[in-house]
């Protein structure tokens, strides 16, 4: 059973030879092939090579185009800095400083965007080089997260409290952009689209239910209608609104380390692939082989019928190789 068969079987709730390992590697993948993180983010060939080498070495069951949350914003007109060893970030003003700026910001055709096109090219290359053996996970921002990217987190969360019409207008713009970006990656060969909506855990349950959730639902539906599976990734503590997650539209739900896995499994463990959620720092980076194996086995025992394995978020760059290899070893022992 290769990785693609294994992941697809798990999603379909069919027998597998072992639990899939879906750990997310970004900085560590770039380090593995000796390229800067700026190159990993900006050159699809580096991203694809880093994924293939890392997934084969550490026995991870998917290749992925995830790198940073700023691809869409950059192509919509936001100026970015690209640190050699850091995540791209907004280098100047946000796109929407005041209401009138919204009229100037337009949805960009994916083929006209340099950074979105780079991710599409990365998807095509991964499809060519690894698509028969590994599922390909493409990525987009959730509309709620993208709105915070182009407006600014503080400003957008204040808008959520004070100006509902303005928030709706920004979200509609962002949703249109994300649907286009998702469809382009699906056309290029992505089997699964990950939706990152990290700001939702900061905004809290009321804002999640009123604003983030409706746009997640529309985005996830569009992805499924375009022929791909879905993976919802919300960094942070989602415990206050776990019951609200759109599980019926998700094939995989990522669970960060501070969320009680027992609660997630009780809600969704027989419906979707619950993916997580040992601590990436305390377990993978700072732990030892025994710590890792114990944590992996503990999560697997809790996660439910369709459990898939990963840390709560990205594997840290300087994780000892033996610790990451221990994840696979533990899954083999299970």
Protein backbone atom coordinates (compact mmCIF):
# COMPACT_ATOMS: atom_id res chain seq x y z
CA UNK A 1 0.00 0.00 0.00
CA UNK A 2 1.61 3.29 -1.03
CA UNK A 3 0.95 6.61 0.68
CA UNK A 4 -1.73 7.71 -1.75
CA UNK A 5 -3.64 4.47 -1.37
CA UNK A 6 -3.23 4.61 2.40
CA UNK A 7 -4.57 8.15 2.81
CA UNK A 8 -7.46 7.65 0.40
CA UNK A 9 -8.42 4.42 2.13
CA UNK A 10 -8.36 6.07 5.56
CA UNK A 11 -10.56 8.92 4.34
CA UNK A 12 -13.00 6.37 2.93
CA UNK A 13 -12.89 4.42 6.23
CA UNK A 14 -11.44 1.37 4.52
CA UNK A 15 -8.73 -0.88 6.00
CA UNK A 16 -5.15 0.43 5.96
CA UNK A 17 -1.80 -1.22 6.65
CA UNK A 18 -0.94 1.55 9.13
CA UNK A 19 -2.24 4.94 10.26
CA UNK A 20 -1.20 7.66 7.77
CA UNK A 21 1.47 10.12 8.88
CA UNK A 22 0.39 13.62 7.82
CA UNK A 23 2.93 15.78 9.61
CA UNK A 24 3.45 19.22 8.05
CA UNK A 25 7.02 20.09 7.07
CA UNK A 26 7.97 23.54 5.82
CA UNK A 27 11.11 24.98 7.45
CA UNK A 28 12.45 21.49 8.12
CA UNK A 29 11.80 20.47 4.50
CA UNK A 30 13.76 23.47 3.21
CA UNK A 31 16.59 22.65 5.62
CA UNK A 32 16.59 19.05 4.40
CA UNK A 33 17.72 20.08 0.90
CA UNK A 34 19.87 23.03 2.00
CA UNK A 35 17.84 25.93 0.58
CA UNK A 36 16.79 29.16 2.26
CA UNK A 37 13.21 29.52 3.38
CA UNK A 38 12.85 32.42 0.95
CA UNK A 39 13.68 30.02 -1.91
CA UNK A 40 11.29 27.42 -0.53
CA UNK A 41 8.49 30.01 -0.56
CA UNK A 42 9.32 31.63 -3.91
CA UNK A 43 10.63 28.83 -6.13
CA UNK A 44 8.21 25.97 -6.74
CA UNK A 45 11.09 23.69 -7.76
CA UNK A 46 12.65 24.02 -4.29
CA UNK A 47 9.31 23.41 -2.61
CA UNK A 48 8.60 20.30 -4.68
CA UNK A 49 12.09 18.83 -4.23
CA UNK A 50 12.04 19.52 -0.48
CA UNK A 51 8.69 17.80 -0.14
CA UNK A 52 9.65 14.71 -2.09
CA UNK A 53 12.98 14.24 -0.31
CA UNK A 54 11.48 14.85 3.14
CA UNK A 55 8.39 12.71 2.69
CA UNK A 56 10.46 9.77 1.47
CA UNK A 57 13.07 10.12 4.22
CA UNK A 58 10.65 10.52 7.12
CA UNK A 59 7.89 8.26 5.72
CA UNK A 60 5.24 10.98 5.64
CA UNK A 61 2.17 10.16 3.58
CA UNK A 62 1.50 13.35 1.60
CA UNK A 63 3.33 16.04 -0.32
CA UNK A 64 2.13 19.58 0.13
CA UNK A 65 2.34 23.08 -1.32
CA UNK A 66 2.02 24.86 2.02
CA UNK A 67 4.68 27.52 2.70
CA UNK A 68 3.16 30.76 4.01
CA UNK A 69 -0.20 32.56 4.15
CA UNK A 70 0.78 35.54 1.99
CA UNK A 71 0.56 34.25 -1.58
CA UNK A 72 -2.90 35.60 -2.29
CA UNK A 73 -2.24 38.92 -0.57
CA UNK A 74 0.98 39.43 -2.50
CA UNK A 75 -0.74 38.94 -5.84
CA UNK A 76 -3.59 41.22 -4.81
CA UNK A 77 -1.01 43.99 -4.34
CA UNK A 78 0.51 43.71 -0.85
CA UNK A 79 4.26 44.43 -0.58
CA UNK A 80 6.14 41.64 1.18
CA UNK A 81 9.55 41.02 2.65
CA UNK A 82 11.11 37.57 2.14
CA UNK A 83 13.59 36.83 4.94
CA UNK A 84 16.21 34.21 4.15
CA UNK A 85 15.20 32.24 7.23
CA UNK A 86 11.72 33.52 8.07
CA UNK A 87 8.13 33.60 6.90
CA UNK A 88 7.22 36.26 4.30
CA UNK A 89 5.48 39.21 5.92
CA UNK A 90 3.80 42.48 4.98
CA UNK A 91 6.52 45.10 4.55
CA UNK A 92 4.38 48.22 4.41
CA UNK A 93 0.75 49.24 4.54
CA UNK A 94 -1.99 46.66 4.38
CA UNK A 95 -4.07 46.69 1.21
CA UNK A 96 -7.16 48.02 2.94
CA UNK A 97 -6.29 50.87 5.29
CA UNK A 98 -9.74 52.48 5.09
CA UNK A 99 -13.09 51.76 3.52
CA UNK A 100 -12.37 53.50 0.25
CA UNK A 101 -9.38 51.20 -0.36
CA UNK A 102 -11.74 48.27 -0.81
CA UNK A 103 -12.80 49.73 -4.16
CA UNK A 104 -9.20 49.53 -5.40
CA UNK A 105 -8.56 45.90 -4.46
CA UNK A 106 -9.62 43.40 -7.09
CA UNK A 107 -9.75 39.66 -7.40
CA UNK A 108 -6.72 38.53 -9.40
CA UNK A 109 -6.88 35.75 -12.00
CA UNK A 110 -4.54 33.08 -10.68
CA UNK A 111 -2.55 32.99 -13.92
CA UNK A 112 -1.82 36.72 -13.50
CA UNK A 113 -0.43 36.31 -10.00
CA UNK A 114 3.24 35.47 -9.56
CA UNK A 115 3.00 33.79 -6.16
CA UNK A 116 -0.26 31.97 -6.77
CA UNK A 117 1.09 30.75 -10.10
CA UNK A 118 4.23 29.52 -8.33
CA UNK A 119 2.07 27.31 -6.08
CA UNK A 120 0.13 26.01 -9.09
CA UNK A 121 3.42 25.16 -10.82
CA UNK A 122 4.54 23.41 -7.66
CA UNK A 123 1.35 21.36 -7.73
CA UNK A 124 1.95 20.39 -11.35
CA UNK A 125 5.53 19.37 -10.62
CA UNK A 126 4.52 17.32 -7.58
CA UNK A 127 1.81 15.66 -9.66
CA UNK A 128 4.40 14.71 -12.27
CA UNK A 129 7.07 13.55 -9.84
CA UNK A 130 5.09 12.04 -6.96
CA UNK A 131 1.40 12.01 -7.85
CA UNK A 132 1.19 8.24 -8.29
CA UNK A 133 2.68 7.57 -4.86
CA UNK A 134 1.65 10.50 -2.64
CA UNK A 135 -1.56 12.51 -2.37
CA UNK A 136 -0.96 16.17 -3.15
CA UNK A 137 -2.28 18.70 -0.66
CA UNK A 138 -2.78 22.20 -2.04
CA UNK A 139 -3.48 25.15 0.26
CA UNK A 140 -5.55 28.33 0.41
CA UNK A 141 -6.33 30.82 3.12
CA UNK A 142 -9.81 30.81 4.58
CA UNK A 143 -11.70 33.98 3.68
CA UNK A 144 -11.66 35.08 7.33
CA UNK A 145 -7.88 34.66 7.57
CA UNK A 146 -7.29 36.29 4.21
CA UNK A 147 -9.37 39.29 5.25
CA UNK A 148 -7.15 39.71 8.30
CA UNK A 149 -4.06 39.42 6.07
CA UNK A 150 -5.05 42.25 3.75
CA UNK A 151 -6.76 44.48 6.33
CA UNK A 152 -4.51 43.83 9.35
CA UNK A 153 -5.44 41.59 12.26
CA UNK A 154 -6.23 44.32 14.81
CA UNK A 155 -8.12 46.46 12.31
CA UNK A 156 -10.13 43.55 10.97
CA UNK A 157 -11.13 42.27 14.40
CA UNK A 158 -12.26 45.78 15.33
CA UNK A 159 -14.30 45.86 12.12
CA UNK A 160 -15.90 42.58 13.16
CA UNK A 161 -17.17 44.33 16.28
CA UNK A 162 -18.09 47.67 14.73
CA UNK A 163 -18.87 47.46 11.01
CA UNK A 164 -20.68 44.36 9.78
CA UNK A 165 -21.31 45.64 6.25
CA UNK A 166 -17.63 46.41 5.72
CA UNK A 167 -16.62 42.98 7.03
CA UNK A 168 -19.05 41.29 4.67
CA UNK A 169 -17.68 43.18 1.68
CA UNK A 170 -14.09 42.20 2.51
CA UNK A 171 -15.05 38.57 3.07
CA UNK A 172 -16.91 38.33 -0.22
CA UNK A 173 -13.83 39.63 -2.03
CA UNK A 174 -11.56 37.17 -0.25
CA UNK A 175 -13.87 34.21 -0.80
CA UNK A 176 -13.93 34.81 -4.54
CA UNK A 177 -10.13 34.93 -4.62
CA UNK A 178 -9.74 31.74 -2.58
CA UNK A 179 -12.20 29.77 -4.70
CA UNK A 180 -10.29 30.72 -7.85
CA UNK A 181 -6.98 29.75 -6.22
CA UNK A 182 -8.33 26.42 -4.99
CA UNK A 183 -9.76 25.52 -8.39
CA UNK A 184 -6.48 26.32 -10.12
CA UNK A 185 -4.61 23.95 -7.79
CA UNK A 186 -7.22 21.23 -8.27
CA UNK A 187 -6.90 21.58 -12.04
CA UNK A 188 -3.12 21.28 -11.65
CA UNK A 189 -3.46 17.99 -9.78
CA UNK A 190 -4.15 18.65 -6.09
CA UNK A 191 -6.09 15.80 -4.51
CA UNK A 192 -6.83 17.63 -1.26
CA UNK A 193 -7.07 21.35 -0.54
CA UNK A 194 -6.09 22.53 2.92
CA UNK A 195 -7.92 25.60 4.17
CA UNK A 196 -5.99 27.62 6.75
CA UNK A 197 -8.16 29.84 8.95
CA UNK A 198 -5.88 30.47 11.90
CA UNK A 199 -7.28 33.86 12.92
CA UNK A 200 -10.58 32.15 13.81
CA UNK A 201 -9.09 30.79 17.03
CA UNK A 202 -8.05 34.32 18.03
CA UNK A 203 -11.43 35.85 17.19
CA UNK A 204 -13.36 33.45 19.41
CA UNK A 205 -16.61 31.49 19.16
CA UNK A 206 -19.03 34.35 18.48
CA UNK A 207 -17.02 35.77 15.59
CA UNK A 208 -16.33 32.27 14.32
CA UNK A 209 -20.01 31.37 14.14
CA UNK A 210 -21.10 34.69 12.66
CA UNK A 211 -18.29 35.33 10.20
CA UNK A 212 -15.65 32.62 9.73
CA UNK A 213 -17.94 29.58 9.59
CA UNK A 214 -20.31 30.71 6.81
CA UNK A 215 -17.38 31.48 4.53
CA UNK A 216 -15.59 28.23 5.41
CA UNK A 217 -18.76 26.40 4.41
CA UNK A 218 -18.96 28.15 1.06
CA UNK A 219 -15.26 27.61 0.34
CA UNK A 220 -15.30 23.94 1.34
CA UNK A 221 -18.39 23.33 -0.79
CA UNK A 222 -16.70 24.95 -3.79
CA UNK A 223 -13.62 22.77 -3.31
CA UNK A 224 -15.69 19.60 -3.16
CA UNK A 225 -17.73 20.64 -6.18
CA UNK A 226 -14.45 21.12 -8.08
CA UNK A 227 -13.50 17.52 -7.33
CA UNK A 228 -11.04 17.64 -4.44
CA UNK A 229 -11.13 16.52 -0.83
CA UNK A 230 -10.84 19.03 2.01
CA UNK A 231 -8.62 19.59 5.04
CA UNK A 232 -9.49 22.28 7.61
CA UNK A 233 -6.49 23.68 9.47
CA UNK A 234 -7.18 26.16 12.29
CA UNK A 235 -4.07 26.85 14.37
CA UNK A 236 -4.59 27.57 18.03
CA UNK A 237 -7.19 26.69 20.63
CA UNK A 238 -10.47 25.85 18.89
CA UNK A 239 -11.95 24.22 22.00
CA UNK A 240 -14.59 26.96 22.56
CA UNK A 241 -16.21 26.29 19.18
CA UNK A 242 -15.39 22.66 18.37
CA UNK A 243 -19.07 21.81 18.07
CA UNK A 244 -19.46 24.39 15.29
CA UNK A 245 -16.81 23.04 12.90
CA UNK A 246 -18.19 22.16 9.42
CA UNK A 247 -17.26 18.50 9.76
CA UNK A 248 -19.77 17.36 7.15
CA UNK A 249 -17.73 19.23 4.52
CA UNK A 250 -14.30 18.13 5.77
CA UNK A 251 -12.38 14.97 4.97
CA UNK A 252 -9.63 15.85 7.46
CA UNK A 253 -9.75 18.19 10.45
CA UNK A 254 -6.40 19.28 11.92
CA UNK A 255 -6.34 19.64 15.70
CA UNK A 256 -3.72 21.82 17.41
CA UNK A 257 -1.92 20.57 20.50
CA UNK A 258 -3.81 22.60 23.12
CA UNK A 259 -7.22 21.14 22.12
CA UNK A 260 -8.43 18.06 24.05
CA UNK A 261 -8.25 15.28 21.49
CA UNK A 262 -10.81 13.25 23.44
CA UNK A 263 -13.41 15.92 22.83
CA UNK A 264 -12.68 16.15 19.13
CA UNK A 265 -12.83 12.38 18.78
CA UNK A 266 -16.14 12.19 20.60
CA UNK A 267 -17.62 14.76 18.21
CA UNK A 268 -16.09 13.74 14.91
CA UNK A 269 -13.93 10.63 15.28
CA UNK A 270 -16.25 8.37 13.31
CA UNK A 271 -17.12 11.00 10.68
CA UNK A 272 -13.86 12.56 9.45
CA UNK A 273 -10.13 11.97 9.76
CA UNK A 274 -9.18 13.66 13.02
CA UNK A 275 -5.53 14.68 12.52
CA UNK A 276 -3.23 15.58 15.40
CA UNK A 277 -2.23 16.54 17.97
CA UNK A 278 0.94 16.00 20.02
CA UNK A 279 2.87 19.15 20.90
CA UNK A 280 5.30 20.00 18.08
CA UNK A 281 7.70 21.75 20.48
CA UNK A 282 7.52 19.81 23.74
CA UNK A 283 7.30 16.42 22.02
CA UNK A 284 9.03 16.62 18.63
CA UNK A 285 11.60 19.37 19.16
CA UNK A 286 12.44 18.97 22.85
CA UNK A 287 11.49 15.36 23.50
CA UNK A 288 13.29 12.12 22.76
CA UNK A 289 12.40 9.00 20.81
CA UNK A 290 10.54 7.47 23.74
CA UNK A 291 8.54 10.67 24.32
CA UNK A 292 7.57 10.81 20.65
CA UNK A 293 6.50 7.19 20.46
CA UNK A 294 4.44 7.44 23.63
CA UNK A 295 2.69 10.59 22.40
CA UNK A 296 1.95 9.13 18.97
CA UNK A 297 0.49 5.97 20.46
CA UNK A 298 -1.55 7.91 22.99
CA UNK A 299 -3.11 10.10 20.29
CA UNK A 300 -3.77 7.09 18.08
CA UNK A 301 -5.59 5.41 20.93
CA UNK A 302 -7.84 8.44 21.38
CA UNK A 303 -8.37 9.72 17.85
CA UNK A 304 -11.20 7.55 16.64
CA UNK A 305 -11.92 5.19 13.76
CA UNK A 306 -10.46 7.43 11.06
CA UNK A 307 -7.55 8.92 12.97
CA UNK A 308 -4.55 10.26 11.04
CA UNK A 309 -1.31 11.24 12.73
CA UNK A 310 0.51 14.55 13.04
CA UNK A 311 1.73 17.11 15.50
CA UNK A 312 -0.69 19.89 16.32
CA UNK A 313 1.00 22.18 13.80
CA UNK A 314 4.19 22.42 11.72
CA UNK A 315 7.18 20.28 12.64
CA UNK A 316 9.82 22.71 14.00
CA UNK A 317 12.86 23.30 11.83
CA UNK A 318 15.42 21.92 14.28
CA UNK A 319 13.51 18.79 15.27
CA UNK A 320 16.01 15.94 15.72
CA UNK A 321 15.81 13.56 12.79
CA UNK A 322 15.48 10.55 15.06
CA UNK A 323 12.42 12.12 16.70
CA UNK A 324 10.59 12.61 13.43
CA UNK A 325 11.54 9.11 12.27
CA UNK A 326 10.13 7.83 15.57
CA UNK A 327 6.65 8.91 14.46
CA UNK A 328 6.76 6.41 11.61
CA UNK A 329 8.30 3.77 13.85
CA UNK A 330 5.50 4.18 16.39
CA UNK A 331 2.85 3.89 13.68
CA UNK A 332 4.51 0.70 12.41
CA UNK A 333 4.50 -0.69 15.96
CA UNK A 334 0.80 0.10 16.32
